[in-house]
Amino acid sequence: MLHNEQYEAALFLNDKFKPGPPIPYLLDSPTESNSHWMGVRPSVGLSAEEAELIINEVECENAIHKQKMVDRWERMTS
């Protein structure tokens, strides 16, 4: 999804957009099956492989379109 002039991952649950960080974030307490999360209320757990795939796709799109990823989510949650 193109947002704020950069490509970001977008999470949809039941055909509804769920806001959250632009790429998967590491869980504070990862489990064997989930190492990352996306979305806010509800958050969705992702495996390391799923998170890596999403992050690589977002980075690739930004590189192709010469966009620099700026993570504004950190400032919003601080």
C-alpha atoms as a PDB file:
ATOM      1  CA  MET A   1       0.000   0.000   0.000  1.00  0.00           C
ATOM      2  CA  LEU A   2       1.346   3.438  -0.883  1.00  0.00           C
ATOM      3  CA  HIS A   3       1.073   5.670   2.185  1.00  0.00           C
ATOM      4  CA  ASN A   4       2.925   8.895   3.030  1.00  0.00           C
ATOM      5  CA  GLU A   5       4.886   8.577  -0.249  1.00  0.00           C
ATOM      6  CA  GLN A   6       6.316   5.173   0.732  1.00  0.00           C
ATOM      7  CA  TYR A   7       5.230   1.574   0.400  1.00  0.00           C
ATOM      8  CA  GLU A   8       4.045  -0.085   3.601  1.00  0.00           C
ATOM      9  CA  ALA A   9       2.479  -3.403   4.530  1.00  0.00           C
ATOM     10  CA  ALA A  10      -1.273  -3.222   5.087  1.00  0.00           C
ATOM     11  CA  LEU A  11      -3.251  -5.561   7.301  1.00  0.00           C
ATOM     12  CA  PHE A  12      -6.850  -6.426   6.476  1.00  0.00           C
ATOM     13  CA  LEU A  13      -9.075  -8.595   8.688  1.00  0.00           C
ATOM     14  CA  ASN A  14     -12.538  -9.531   7.439  1.00  0.00           C
ATOM     15  CA  ASP A  15     -12.066  -7.119   4.517  1.00  0.00           C
ATOM     16  CA  LYS A  16     -11.438  -4.183   6.890  1.00  0.00           C
ATOM     17  CA  PHE A  17      -8.162  -2.259   7.117  1.00  0.00           C
ATOM     18  CA  LYS A  18      -6.487  -2.467  10.516  1.00  0.00           C
ATOM     19  CA  PRO A  19      -4.039   0.338  11.317  1.00  0.00           C
ATOM     20  CA  GLY A  20      -0.614  -0.447  12.667  1.00  0.00           C
ATOM     21  CA  PRO A  21       3.078  -0.242  11.914  1.00  0.00           C
ATOM     22  CA  PRO A  22       4.288  -0.060   8.282  1.00  0.00           C
ATOM     23  CA  ILE A  23       6.156  -3.370   8.621  1.00  0.00           C
ATOM     24  CA  PRO A  24       5.969  -6.219  11.150  1.00  0.00           C
ATOM     25  CA  TYR A  25       7.448  -5.445  14.564  1.00  0.00           C
ATOM     26  CA  LEU A  26       9.248  -7.858  16.859  1.00  0.00           C
ATOM     27  CA  LEU A  27       7.184  -9.142  19.754  1.00  0.00           C
ATOM     28  CA  ASP A  28       8.445  -8.258  23.248  1.00  0.00           C
ATOM     29  CA  SER A  29       7.977 -11.906  24.226  1.00  0.00           C
ATOM     30  CA  PRO A  30       8.247 -14.030  21.070  1.00  0.00           C
ATOM     31  CA  THR A  31       6.916 -17.574  21.075  1.00  0.00           C
ATOM     32  CA  GLU A  32       7.914 -20.592  19.036  1.00  0.00           C
ATOM     33  CA  SER A  33       5.213 -19.816  16.455  1.00  0.00           C
ATOM     34  CA  ASN A  34       5.090 -15.986  16.566  1.00  0.00           C
ATOM     35  CA  SER A  35       8.037 -13.621  16.536  1.00  0.00           C
ATOM     36  CA  HIS A  36       6.455 -10.460  15.063  1.00  0.00           C
ATOM     37  CA  TRP A  37       3.140  -8.616  15.120  1.00  0.00           C
ATOM     38  CA  MET A  38       1.118  -6.223  12.983  1.00  0.00           C
ATOM     39  CA  GLY A  39      -2.101  -4.332  13.509  1.00  0.00           C
ATOM     40  CA  VAL A  40      -3.663  -2.683  16.494  1.00  0.00           C
ATOM     41  CA  ARG A  41      -6.758  -4.053  18.223  1.00  0.00           C
ATOM     42  CA  PRO A  42      -6.536  -6.871  17.331  1.00  0.00           C
ATOM     43  CA  SER A  43      -2.861  -7.481  16.796  1.00  0.00           C
ATOM     44  CA  VAL A  44      -1.920 -10.380  14.572  1.00  0.00           C
ATOM     45  CA  GLY A  45       1.039 -12.622  15.345  1.00  0.00           C
ATOM     46  CA  LEU A  46       3.392 -13.568  12.523  1.00  0.00           C
ATOM     47  CA  SER A  47       6.091 -16.192  12.236  1.00  0.00           C
ATOM     48  CA  ALA A  48       9.655 -15.117  11.505  1.00  0.00           C
ATOM     49  CA  GLU A  49       9.261 -16.408   7.932  1.00  0.00           C
ATOM     50  CA  GLU A  50       6.020 -14.467   7.364  1.00  0.00           C
ATOM     51  CA  ALA A  51       7.524 -11.283   8.793  1.00  0.00           C
ATOM     52  CA  GLU A  52      10.673 -11.647   6.679  1.00  0.00           C
ATOM     53  CA  LEU A  53       8.608 -12.122   3.520  1.00  0.00           C
ATOM     54  CA  ILE A  54       6.503  -9.012   4.242  1.00  0.00           C
ATOM     55  CA  ILE A  55       9.528  -6.880   5.157  1.00  0.00           C
ATOM     56  CA  ASN A  56      11.406  -7.987   2.019  1.00  0.00           C
ATOM     57  CA  GLU A  57       8.418  -7.160  -0.215  1.00  0.00           C
ATOM     58  CA  VAL A  58       8.011  -3.700   1.323  1.00  0.00           C
ATOM     59  CA  GLU A  59      11.748  -2.971   1.056  1.00  0.00           C
ATOM     60  CA  CYS A  60      11.764  -4.182  -2.563  1.00  0.00           C
ATOM     61  CA  GLU A  61       8.827  -1.949  -3.568  1.00  0.00           C
ATOM     62  CA  ASN A  62      10.431   1.065  -1.913  1.00  0.00           C
ATOM     63  CA  ALA A  63      13.763   0.341  -3.633  1.00  0.00           C
ATOM     64  CA  ILE A  64      12.128  -0.082  -7.059  1.00  0.00           C
ATOM     65  CA  HIS A  65      10.278   3.221  -6.680  1.00  0.00           C
ATOM     66  CA  LYS A  66      13.257   4.944  -5.036  1.00  0.00           C
ATOM     67  CA  GLN A  67      11.374   5.629  -1.813  1.00  0.00           C
ATOM     68  CA  LYS A  68      13.128   5.781   1.518  1.00  0.00           C
ATOM     69  CA  MET A  69      11.235   4.055   4.327  1.00  0.00           C
ATOM     70  CA  VAL A  70      10.501   6.381   7.229  1.00  0.00           C
ATOM     71  CA  ASP A  71       8.948   4.660  10.223  1.00  0.00           C
ATOM     72  CA  ARG A  72       6.587   7.193  11.789  1.00  0.00           C
ATOM     73  CA  TRP A  73       5.034   4.505  13.984  1.00  0.00           C
ATOM     74  CA  GLU A  74       7.866   4.701  16.560  1.00  0.00           C
ATOM     75  CA  ARG A  75       7.045   8.339  17.270  1.00  0.00           C
ATOM     76  CA  MET A  76       3.308   7.633  17.489  1.00  0.00           C
ATOM     77  CA  THR A  77       3.720   4.932  20.108  1.00  0.00           C
ATOM     78  CA  SER A  78       6.350   6.663  22.243  1.00  0.00           C
END
